[in-house]
Amino acid sequence: MADITQKLIDIIKSAGEIMASAHNIDHSDVSSKEGSANFVTVYDLKVQEKLMSDIRKAVPDALFIAEEKENDASVLMGEHCFIIDPIDGTTNFIHDYRHSCISLAMFSKGEAIFGAVYDPYLKELFRAEKGKGAFLNDAPMKVSSKKMSEAIVAYGTSPYYKSTLAEKTFALTKELFYRCADVRRCGSAALDLAYTAAGRNDLFFEFLLSPWDVAAGYLLITEAGGVITDMQGNKIDFSKPCPVIAANPQIYNDFLDIARKY
């Protein structure tokens, strides 16, 4: 596993160079998918193609679930299944916001065994291997121990589903705003999860995320000592989109009691 892990780290960093080198993205580079403000760029496709090509060379029996392709959830039960988001935070990326990342997770027979979130702008690699802890570059990382009144709460707005999820997203955010220190909306769920694992955020939630948004972050959170579930406290289902809560253990239950109302 150690040999594969190092290869995956090298692969994700190499793919990150494609993101970091992109400038002055114009309309010809961008197209829309189903849902509100759901964009894809030529760079999403280039990064995904490079990741899949390089991973296949390193792991010949690799199977894939990835954002920019048709997917079959049954491959999750394979020996080596990779869940990829080539650019998480595409809208940020289009606007040169420089807060986007690559999210890569490896599953074996339905279980997450490796996860990495790479920010090529800050050159920060958040990674975890099952049973071996979580790291930011080479430094061990842990979730925070802050209580709700001291917490930074990060959240996602589920922008592709504004008509059904906007009202309760902002109602819950407003309630939390009065209970916590402050709230943050940064535009990349994978980075929000990574920041929660690193103790930068104390809690993160979003009412609907796809498997590629959360797969790597799931292992980062659990290996960093945090808790990550759906809004009802159930295990994340990586076969379909679902709601997500991630938090340090001290405030997870407080948040879950609040979130269940919504």
C-alpha atoms as a PDB file:
ATOM      1  CA  MET A   1       0.000   0.000   0.000  1.00  0.00           C
ATOM      2  CA  ALA A   2       2.846   2.410   0.781  1.00  0.00           C
ATOM      3  CA  ASP A   3       4.127   2.146  -2.793  1.00  0.00           C
ATOM      4  CA  ILE A   4       0.668   2.885  -4.241  1.00  0.00           C
ATOM      5  CA  THR A   5       0.154   5.762  -1.802  1.00  0.00           C
ATOM      6  CA  GLN A   6       3.326   7.540  -2.889  1.00  0.00           C
ATOM      7  CA  LYS A   7       2.432   7.059  -6.549  1.00  0.00           C
ATOM      8  CA  LEU A   8      -1.007   8.570  -5.936  1.00  0.00           C
ATOM      9  CA  ILE A   9       0.541  11.557  -4.161  1.00  0.00           C
ATOM     10  CA  ASP A  10       2.869  12.131  -7.120  1.00  0.00           C
ATOM     11  CA  ILE A  11      -0.032  11.752  -9.559  1.00  0.00           C
ATOM     12  CA  ILE A  12      -2.305  14.257  -7.814  1.00  0.00           C
ATOM     13  CA  LYS A  13       0.481  16.825  -7.530  1.00  0.00           C
ATOM     14  CA  SER A  14       1.319  16.456 -11.206  1.00  0.00           C
ATOM     15  CA  ALA A  15      -2.336  16.918 -12.181  1.00  0.00           C
ATOM     16  CA  GLY A  16      -2.455  20.000  -9.967  1.00  0.00           C
ATOM     17  CA  GLU A  17       0.041  21.690 -12.273  1.00  0.00           C
ATOM     18  CA  ILE A  18      -2.664  21.802 -14.964  1.00  0.00           C
ATOM     19  CA  MET A  19      -4.923  23.762 -12.614  1.00  0.00           C
ATOM     20  CA  ALA A  20      -2.211  26.108 -11.390  1.00  0.00           C
ATOM     21  CA  SER A  21      -1.125  26.962 -14.928  1.00  0.00           C
ATOM     22  CA  ALA A  22      -4.628  27.960 -16.096  1.00  0.00           C
ATOM     23  CA  HIS A  23      -5.197  31.694 -16.546  1.00  0.00           C
ATOM     24  CA  ASN A  24      -7.732  33.949 -18.270  1.00  0.00           C
ATOM     25  CA  ILE A  25     -10.398  31.277 -18.682  1.00  0.00           C
ATOM     26  CA  ASP A  26     -12.904  32.482 -21.304  1.00  0.00           C
ATOM     27  CA  HIS A  27     -16.383  31.440 -22.429  1.00  0.00           C
ATOM     28  CA  SER A  28     -14.985  28.969 -24.964  1.00  0.00           C
ATOM     29  CA  ASP A  29     -13.412  27.010 -22.096  1.00  0.00           C
ATOM     30  CA  VAL A  30     -16.674  26.661 -20.123  1.00  0.00           C
ATOM     31  CA  SER A  31     -19.885  24.695 -20.639  1.00  0.00           C
ATOM     32  CA  SER A  32     -22.919  24.045 -18.433  1.00  0.00           C
ATOM     33  CA  LYS A  33     -24.354  20.837 -17.041  1.00  0.00           C
ATOM     34  CA  GLU A  34     -27.763  20.058 -15.549  1.00  0.00           C
ATOM     35  CA  GLY A  35     -28.617  22.238 -12.549  1.00  0.00           C
ATOM     36  CA  SER A  36     -28.185  25.897 -11.655  1.00  0.00           C
ATOM     37  CA  ALA A  37     -24.647  27.311 -12.047  1.00  0.00           C
ATOM     38  CA  ASN A  38     -23.222  23.833 -12.723  1.00  0.00           C
ATOM     39  CA  PHE A  39     -20.189  24.438 -14.900  1.00  0.00           C
ATOM     40  CA  VAL A  40     -17.437  22.328 -16.412  1.00  0.00           C
ATOM     41  CA  THR A  41     -14.257  23.615 -18.048  1.00  0.00           C
ATOM     42  CA  VAL A  42     -11.783  22.088 -20.462  1.00  0.00           C
ATOM     43  CA  TYR A  43      -9.408  21.972 -17.492  1.00  0.00           C
ATOM     44  CA  ASP A  44     -11.770  19.716 -15.499  1.00  0.00           C
ATOM     45  CA  LEU A  45     -11.630  17.295 -18.407  1.00  0.00           C
ATOM     46  CA  LYS A  46      -7.846  17.568 -18.803  1.00  0.00           C
ATOM     47  CA  VAL A  47      -7.206  16.981 -15.088  1.00  0.00           C
ATOM     48  CA  GLN A  48      -9.608  14.032 -14.969  1.00  0.00           C
ATOM     49  CA  GLU A  49      -8.073  12.455 -18.071  1.00  0.00           C
ATOM     50  CA  LYS A  50      -4.559  12.804 -16.640  1.00  0.00           C
ATOM     51  CA  LEU A  51      -5.553  11.389 -13.254  1.00  0.00           C
ATOM     52  CA  MET A  52      -7.282   8.366 -14.758  1.00  0.00           C
ATOM     53  CA  SER A  53      -4.493   7.714 -17.261  1.00  0.00           C
ATOM     54  CA  ASP A  54      -1.722   7.930 -14.652  1.00  0.00           C
ATOM     55  CA  ILE A  55      -3.651   5.874 -12.103  1.00  0.00           C
ATOM     56  CA  ARG A  56      -4.258   3.117 -14.658  1.00  0.00           C
ATOM     57  CA  LYS A  57      -0.501   2.926 -15.235  1.00  0.00           C
ATOM     58  CA  ALA A  58       0.109   2.573 -11.491  1.00  0.00           C
ATOM     59  CA  VAL A  59      -2.907   0.345 -10.746  1.00  0.00           C
ATOM     60  CA  PRO A  60      -3.850  -1.601 -13.900  1.00  0.00           C
ATOM     61  CA  ASP A  61      -7.131  -2.966 -12.452  1.00  0.00           C
ATOM     62  CA  ALA A  62      -8.346   0.504 -11.372  1.00  0.00           C
ATOM     63  CA  LEU A  63     -12.047   1.276 -11.599  1.00  0.00           C
ATOM     64  CA  PHE A  64     -13.400   4.821 -11.490  1.00  0.00           C
ATOM     65  CA  ILE A  65     -16.233   6.997 -10.296  1.00  0.00           C
ATOM     66  CA  ALA A  66     -15.550  10.549 -11.481  1.00  0.00           C
ATOM     67  CA  GLU A  67     -17.494  13.753 -11.856  1.00  0.00           C
ATOM     68  CA  GLU A  68     -17.052  14.220 -15.586  1.00  0.00           C
ATOM     69  CA  LYS A  69     -18.095  10.743 -16.765  1.00  0.00           C
ATOM     70  CA  GLU A  70     -21.006   8.325 -16.676  1.00  0.00           C
ATOM     71  CA  ASN A  71     -20.757   6.193 -13.538  1.00  0.00           C
ATOM     72  CA  ASP A  72     -21.820   2.802 -12.222  1.00  0.00           C
ATOM     73  CA  ALA A  73     -21.914   2.704  -8.417  1.00  0.00           C
ATOM     74  CA  SER A  74     -21.343  -1.059  -8.379  1.00  0.00           C
ATOM     75  CA  VAL A  75     -17.627  -0.502  -9.081  1.00  0.00           C
ATOM     76  CA  LEU A  76     -17.330   0.683  -5.462  1.00  0.00           C
ATOM     77  CA  MET A  77     -17.096  -2.983  -4.488  1.00  0.00           C
ATOM     78  CA  GLY A  78     -14.041  -3.555  -6.649  1.00  0.00           C
ATOM     79  CA  GLU A  79     -10.541  -4.136  -5.303  1.00  0.00           C
ATOM     80  CA  HIS A  80      -9.305  -0.714  -6.405  1.00  0.00           C
ATOM     81  CA  CYS A  81     -12.001   1.884  -7.043  1.00  0.00           C
ATOM     82  CA  PHE A  82     -11.000   5.541  -7.328  1.00  0.00           C
ATOM     83  CA  ILE A  83     -13.462   8.384  -6.746  1.00  0.00           C
ATOM     84  CA  ILE A  84     -12.291  11.578  -8.426  1.00  0.00           C
ATOM     85  CA  ASP A  85     -13.304  15.208  -8.512  1.00  0.00           C
ATOM     86  CA  PRO A  86     -10.817  16.734 -10.973  1.00  0.00           C
ATOM     87  CA  ILE A  87     -11.565  20.322  -9.918  1.00  0.00           C
ATOM     88  CA  ASP A  88     -13.722  20.842  -6.863  1.00  0.00           C
ATOM     89  CA  GLY A  89     -14.737  24.487  -6.781  1.00  0.00           C
ATOM     90  CA  THR A  90     -15.125  24.930 -10.533  1.00  0.00           C
ATOM     91  CA  THR A  91     -16.980  28.240 -10.194  1.00  0.00           C
ATOM     92  CA  ASN A  92     -14.120  29.530  -8.037  1.00  0.00           C
ATOM     93  CA  PHE A  93     -11.715  28.243 -10.679  1.00  0.00           C
ATOM     94  CA  ILE A  94     -13.510  30.041 -13.511  1.00  0.00           C
ATOM     95  CA  HIS A  95     -13.353  33.302 -11.551  1.00  0.00           C
ATOM     96  CA  ASP A  96      -9.647  32.850 -10.710  1.00  0.00           C
ATOM     97  CA  TYR A  97     -10.620  32.774  -7.026  1.00  0.00           C
ATOM     98  CA  ARG A  98      -7.697  30.412  -6.384  1.00  0.00           C
ATOM     99  CA  HIS A  99      -9.597  28.288  -3.886  1.00  0.00           C
ATOM    100  CA  SER A 100     -10.166  25.005  -5.707  1.00  0.00           C
ATOM    101  CA  CYS A 101      -8.660  21.547  -5.413  1.00  0.00           C
ATOM    102  CA  ILE A 102      -8.354  18.004  -6.682  1.00  0.00           C
ATOM    103  CA  SER A 103     -10.103  15.347  -4.609  1.00  0.00           C
ATOM    104  CA  LEU A 104      -9.018  11.720  -4.947  1.00  0.00           C
ATOM    105  CA  ALA A 105     -10.069   8.713  -2.883  1.00  0.00           C
ATOM    106  CA  MET A 106      -9.316   5.010  -3.197  1.00  0.00           C
ATOM    107  CA  PHE A 107     -11.866   2.446  -2.047  1.00  0.00           C
ATOM    108  CA  SER A 108     -11.481  -1.295  -1.710  1.00  0.00           C
ATOM    109  CA  LYS A 109     -14.636  -3.435  -1.567  1.00  0.00           C
ATOM    110  CA  GLY A 110     -16.694  -0.414  -0.545  1.00  0.00           C
ATOM    111  CA  GLU A 111     -14.322   0.863   2.140  1.00  0.00           C
ATOM    112  CA  ALA A 112     -12.264   4.060   1.940  1.00  0.00           C
ATOM    113  CA  ILE A 113      -8.563   3.256   2.339  1.00  0.00           C
ATOM    114  CA  PHE A 114      -6.858   6.381   0.972  1.00  0.00           C
ATOM    115  CA  GLY A 115      -7.938   9.971   0.480  1.00  0.00           C
ATOM    116  CA  ALA A 116      -6.199  13.124  -0.681  1.00  0.00           C
ATOM    117  CA  VAL A 117      -7.276  16.712  -1.283  1.00  0.00           C
ATOM    118  CA  TYR A 118      -4.695  18.865  -3.041  1.00  0.00           C
ATOM    119  CA  ASP A 119      -4.699  22.655  -3.279  1.00  0.00           C
ATOM    120  CA  PRO A 120      -2.192  23.449  -6.044  1.00  0.00           C
ATOM    121  CA  TYR A 121      -2.221  27.176  -5.295  1.00  0.00           C
ATOM    122  CA  LEU A 122      -1.006  26.825  -1.715  1.00  0.00           C
ATOM    123  CA  LYS A 123       0.670  23.469  -2.446  1.00  0.00           C
ATOM    124  CA  GLU A 124      -1.176  21.946   0.500  1.00  0.00           C
ATOM    125  CA  LEU A 125      -1.784  18.208   0.379  1.00  0.00           C
ATOM    126  CA  PHE A 126      -4.292  16.880   2.892  1.00  0.00           C
ATOM    127  CA  ARG A 127      -4.057  13.082   2.951  1.00  0.00           C
ATOM    128  CA  ALA A 128      -5.102  10.090   4.989  1.00  0.00           C
ATOM    129  CA  GLU A 129      -4.643   6.353   4.893  1.00  0.00           C
ATOM    130  CA  LYS A 130      -6.985   4.065   6.774  1.00  0.00           C
ATOM    131  CA  GLY A 131      -5.651   3.337  10.242  1.00  0.00           C
ATOM    132  CA  LYS A 132      -2.576   5.520   9.777  1.00  0.00           C
ATOM    133  CA  GLY A 133      -3.851   9.000  10.591  1.00  0.00           C
ATOM    134  CA  ALA A 134      -4.249  12.198   8.609  1.00  0.00           C
ATOM    135  CA  PHE A 135      -1.588  14.647   7.459  1.00  0.00           C
ATOM    136  CA  LEU A 136      -1.222  18.127   6.014  1.00  0.00           C
ATOM    137  CA  ASN A 137       1.853  17.775   3.843  1.00  0.00           C
ATOM    138  CA  ASP A 138       4.072  15.888   6.318  1.00  0.00           C
ATOM    139  CA  ALA A 139       2.560  17.176   9.573  1.00  0.00           C
ATOM    140  CA  PRO A 140      -0.072  15.153  11.465  1.00  0.00           C
ATOM    141  CA  MET A 141      -3.439  16.886  11.643  1.00  0.00           C
ATOM    142  CA  LYS A 142      -6.392  16.588  14.014  1.00  0.00           C
ATOM    143  CA  VAL A 143      -9.846  18.091  14.222  1.00  0.00           C
ATOM    144  CA  SER A 144     -10.329  20.906  16.718  1.00  0.00           C
ATOM    145  CA  SER A 145     -11.768  20.593  20.219  1.00  0.00           C
ATOM    146  CA  LYS A 146     -13.680  23.889  20.213  1.00  0.00           C
ATOM    147  CA  LYS A 147     -17.254  24.090  21.497  1.00  0.00           C
ATOM    148  CA  MET A 148     -20.100  25.528  19.417  1.00  0.00           C
ATOM    149  CA  SER A 149     -19.852  29.061  20.804  1.00  0.00           C
ATOM    150  CA  GLU A 150     -16.206  29.209  19.684  1.00  0.00           C
ATOM    151  CA  ALA A 151     -16.666  27.419  16.371  1.00  0.00           C
ATOM    152  CA  ILE A 152     -16.221  28.450  12.778  1.00  0.00           C
ATOM    153  CA  VAL A 153     -19.009  26.761  10.832  1.00  0.00           C
ATOM    154  CA  ALA A 154     -18.351  26.197   7.128  1.00  0.00           C
ATOM    155  CA  TYR A 155     -21.264  25.376   4.855  1.00  0.00           C
ATOM    156  CA  GLY A 156     -22.165  24.697   1.258  1.00  0.00           C
ATOM    157  CA  THR A 157     -25.210  26.150  -0.470  1.00  0.00           C
ATOM    158  CA  SER A 158     -26.015  23.209  -2.802  1.00  0.00           C
ATOM    159  CA  PRO A 159     -26.120  25.770  -5.649  1.00  0.00           C
ATOM    160  CA  TYR A 160     -27.294  23.260  -8.259  1.00  0.00           C
ATOM    161  CA  TYR A 161     -30.499  22.778  -6.244  1.00  0.00           C
ATOM    162  CA  LYS A 162     -31.412  26.346  -5.295  1.00  0.00           C
ATOM    163  CA  SER A 163     -35.152  25.877  -5.801  1.00  0.00           C
ATOM    164  CA  THR A 164     -35.398  23.036  -3.265  1.00  0.00           C
ATOM    165  CA  LEU A 165     -32.545  23.556  -0.806  1.00  0.00           C
ATOM    166  CA  ALA A 166     -31.799  27.284  -0.546  1.00  0.00           C
ATOM    167  CA  GLU A 167     -34.452  28.140   2.059  1.00  0.00           C
ATOM    168  CA  LYS A 168     -33.489  25.509   4.581  1.00  0.00           C
ATOM    169  CA  THR A 169     -29.758  25.966   3.957  1.00  0.00           C
ATOM    170  CA  PHE A 170     -29.909  29.619   4.906  1.00  0.00           C
ATOM    171  CA  ALA A 171     -32.415  29.055   7.725  1.00  0.00           C
ATOM    172  CA  LEU A 172     -30.053  26.542   9.318  1.00  0.00           C
ATOM    173  CA  THR A 173     -27.055  28.792   8.682  1.00  0.00           C
ATOM    174  CA  LYS A 174     -28.834  31.703  10.363  1.00  0.00           C
ATOM    175  CA  GLU A 175     -29.615  29.598  13.449  1.00  0.00           C
ATOM    176  CA  LEU A 176     -26.008  28.419  13.632  1.00  0.00           C
ATOM    177  CA  PHE A 177     -24.689  31.948  13.136  1.00  0.00           C
ATOM    178  CA  TYR A 178     -26.299  32.988  16.417  1.00  0.00           C
ATOM    179  CA  ARG A 179     -24.822  29.958  18.201  1.00  0.00           C
ATOM    180  CA  CYS A 180     -21.244  29.899  16.832  1.00  0.00           C
ATOM    181  CA  ALA A 181     -18.369  32.359  16.460  1.00  0.00           C
ATOM    182  CA  ASP A 182     -18.876  32.881  12.710  1.00  0.00           C
ATOM    183  CA  VAL A 183     -19.756  31.151   9.435  1.00  0.00           C
ATOM    184  CA  ARG A 184     -17.822  30.643   6.182  1.00  0.00           C
ATOM    185  CA  ARG A 185     -18.894  29.883   2.600  1.00  0.00           C
ATOM    186  CA  CYS A 186     -15.797  29.164   0.496  1.00  0.00           C
ATOM    187  CA  GLY A 187     -17.066  27.328  -2.599  1.00  0.00           C
ATOM    188  CA  SER A 188     -15.255  23.986  -2.354  1.00  0.00           C
ATOM    189  CA  ALA A 189     -16.759  21.218  -0.242  1.00  0.00           C
ATOM    190  CA  ALA A 190     -13.610  19.099  -0.522  1.00  0.00           C
ATOM    191  CA  LEU A 191     -11.465  21.929   0.866  1.00  0.00           C
ATOM    192  CA  ASP A 192     -14.057  22.671   3.568  1.00  0.00           C
ATOM    193  CA  LEU A 193     -13.817  19.038   4.679  1.00  0.00           C
ATOM    194  CA  ALA A 194     -10.023  19.134   4.543  1.00  0.00           C
ATOM    195  CA  TYR A 195      -9.976  22.337   6.591  1.00  0.00           C
ATOM    196  CA  THR A 196     -12.300  20.727   9.141  1.00  0.00           C
ATOM    197  CA  ALA A 197      -9.951  17.760   9.394  1.00  0.00           C
ATOM    198  CA  ALA A 198      -7.079  20.197   9.964  1.00  0.00           C
ATOM    199  CA  GLY A 199      -8.944  22.118  12.675  1.00  0.00           C
ATOM    200  CA  ARG A 200      -9.296  25.300  10.609  1.00  0.00           C
ATOM    201  CA  ASN A 201     -13.062  24.839  10.494  1.00  0.00           C
ATOM    202  CA  ASP A 202     -14.834  23.213  13.421  1.00  0.00           C
ATOM    203  CA  LEU A 203     -17.894  22.028  11.539  1.00  0.00           C
ATOM    204  CA  PHE A 204     -19.069  21.715   7.936  1.00  0.00           C
ATOM    205  CA  PHE A 205     -22.455  20.909   6.448  1.00  0.00           C
ATOM    206  CA  GLU A 206     -24.182  20.803   3.082  1.00  0.00           C
ATOM    207  CA  PHE A 207     -27.612  19.435   2.233  1.00  0.00           C
ATOM    208  CA  LEU A 208     -26.573  17.570  -0.911  1.00  0.00           C
ATOM    209  CA  LEU A 209     -23.135  16.480  -2.083  1.00  0.00           C
ATOM    210  CA  SER A 210     -22.050  13.975  -4.708  1.00  0.00           C
ATOM    211  CA  PRO A 211     -19.719  11.081  -3.839  1.00  0.00           C
ATOM    212  CA  TRP A 212     -16.718  12.781  -5.502  1.00  0.00           C
ATOM    213  CA  ASP A 213     -17.227  15.870  -3.338  1.00  0.00           C
ATOM    214  CA  VAL A 214     -16.946  13.964  -0.075  1.00  0.00           C
ATOM    215  CA  ALA A 215     -15.073  10.681  -0.679  1.00  0.00           C
ATOM    216  CA  ALA A 216     -11.563  11.916   0.139  1.00  0.00           C
ATOM    217  CA  GLY A 217     -12.771  14.254   2.863  1.00  0.00           C
ATOM    218  CA  TYR A 218     -14.563  11.397   4.572  1.00  0.00           C
ATOM    219  CA  LEU A 219     -11.311   9.597   5.304  1.00  0.00           C
ATOM    220  CA  LEU A 220      -9.521  12.837   6.209  1.00  0.00           C
ATOM    221  CA  ILE A 221     -12.184  13.587   8.826  1.00  0.00           C
ATOM    222  CA  THR A 222     -12.311  10.108  10.329  1.00  0.00           C
ATOM    223  CA  GLU A 223      -8.538   9.669  10.472  1.00  0.00           C
ATOM    224  CA  ALA A 224      -8.198  13.149  12.032  1.00  0.00           C
ATOM    225  CA  GLY A 225     -10.533  12.148  14.865  1.00  0.00           C
ATOM    226  CA  GLY A 226     -13.711  13.776  13.597  1.00  0.00           C
ATOM    227  CA  VAL A 227     -17.223  12.556  12.847  1.00  0.00           C
ATOM    228  CA  ILE A 228     -18.831  12.591   9.399  1.00  0.00           C
ATOM    229  CA  THR A 229     -22.365  11.374   8.635  1.00  0.00           C
ATOM    230  CA  ASP A 230     -25.502  12.387   6.790  1.00  0.00           C
ATOM    231  CA  MET A 231     -27.981  14.793   8.408  1.00  0.00           C
ATOM    232  CA  GLN A 232     -29.691  11.966  10.283  1.00  0.00           C
ATOM    233  CA  GLY A 233     -26.505  10.568  11.756  1.00  0.00           C
ATOM    234  CA  ASN A 234     -26.268   7.695   9.256  1.00  0.00           C
ATOM    235  CA  LYS A 235     -23.130   6.526   7.458  1.00  0.00           C
ATOM    236  CA  ILE A 236     -22.337   8.314   4.201  1.00  0.00           C
ATOM    237  CA  ASP A 237     -23.677   6.476   1.136  1.00  0.00           C
ATOM    238  CA  PHE A 238     -21.052   6.802  -1.600  1.00  0.00           C
ATOM    239  CA  SER A 239     -23.330   5.312  -4.261  1.00  0.00           C
ATOM    240  CA  LYS A 240     -25.443   8.488  -4.605  1.00  0.00           C
ATOM    241  CA  PRO A 241     -25.663  12.165  -3.570  1.00  0.00           C
ATOM    242  CA  CYS A 242     -26.469  12.716   0.104  1.00  0.00           C
ATOM    243  CA  PRO A 243     -26.394  15.363   2.871  1.00  0.00           C
ATOM    244  CA  VAL A 244     -23.178  15.695   4.880  1.00  0.00           C
ATOM    245  CA  ILE A 245     -22.200  16.824   8.382  1.00  0.00           C
ATOM    246  CA  ALA A 246     -18.547  16.813   9.467  1.00  0.00           C
ATOM    247  CA  ALA A 247     -17.424  18.080  12.858  1.00  0.00           C
ATOM    248  CA  ASN A 248     -15.223  17.627  15.843  1.00  0.00           C
ATOM    249  CA  PRO A 249     -16.803  15.190  18.328  1.00  0.00           C
ATOM    250  CA  GLN A 250     -17.517  17.912  20.881  1.00  0.00           C
ATOM    251  CA  ILE A 251     -20.009  19.795  18.724  1.00  0.00           C
ATOM    252  CA  TYR A 252     -21.252  17.032  16.405  1.00  0.00           C
ATOM    253  CA  ASN A 253     -24.178  15.985  18.611  1.00  0.00           C
ATOM    254  CA  ASP A 254     -25.197  19.592  19.300  1.00  0.00           C
ATOM    255  CA  PHE A 255     -25.281  20.250  15.580  1.00  0.00           C
ATOM    256  CA  LEU A 256     -27.125  17.034  14.764  1.00  0.00           C
ATOM    257  CA  ASP A 257     -29.923  17.977  17.160  1.00  0.00           C
ATOM    258  CA  ILE A 258     -30.276  21.316  15.369  1.00  0.00           C
ATOM    259  CA  ALA A 259     -29.951  19.925  11.830  1.00  0.00           C
ATOM    260  CA  ARG A 260     -32.656  17.281  12.306  1.00  0.00           C
ATOM    261  CA  LYS A 261     -35.248  20.069  12.423  1.00  0.00           C
ATOM    262  CA  TYR A 262     -34.466  20.915   8.825  1.00  0.00           C
END
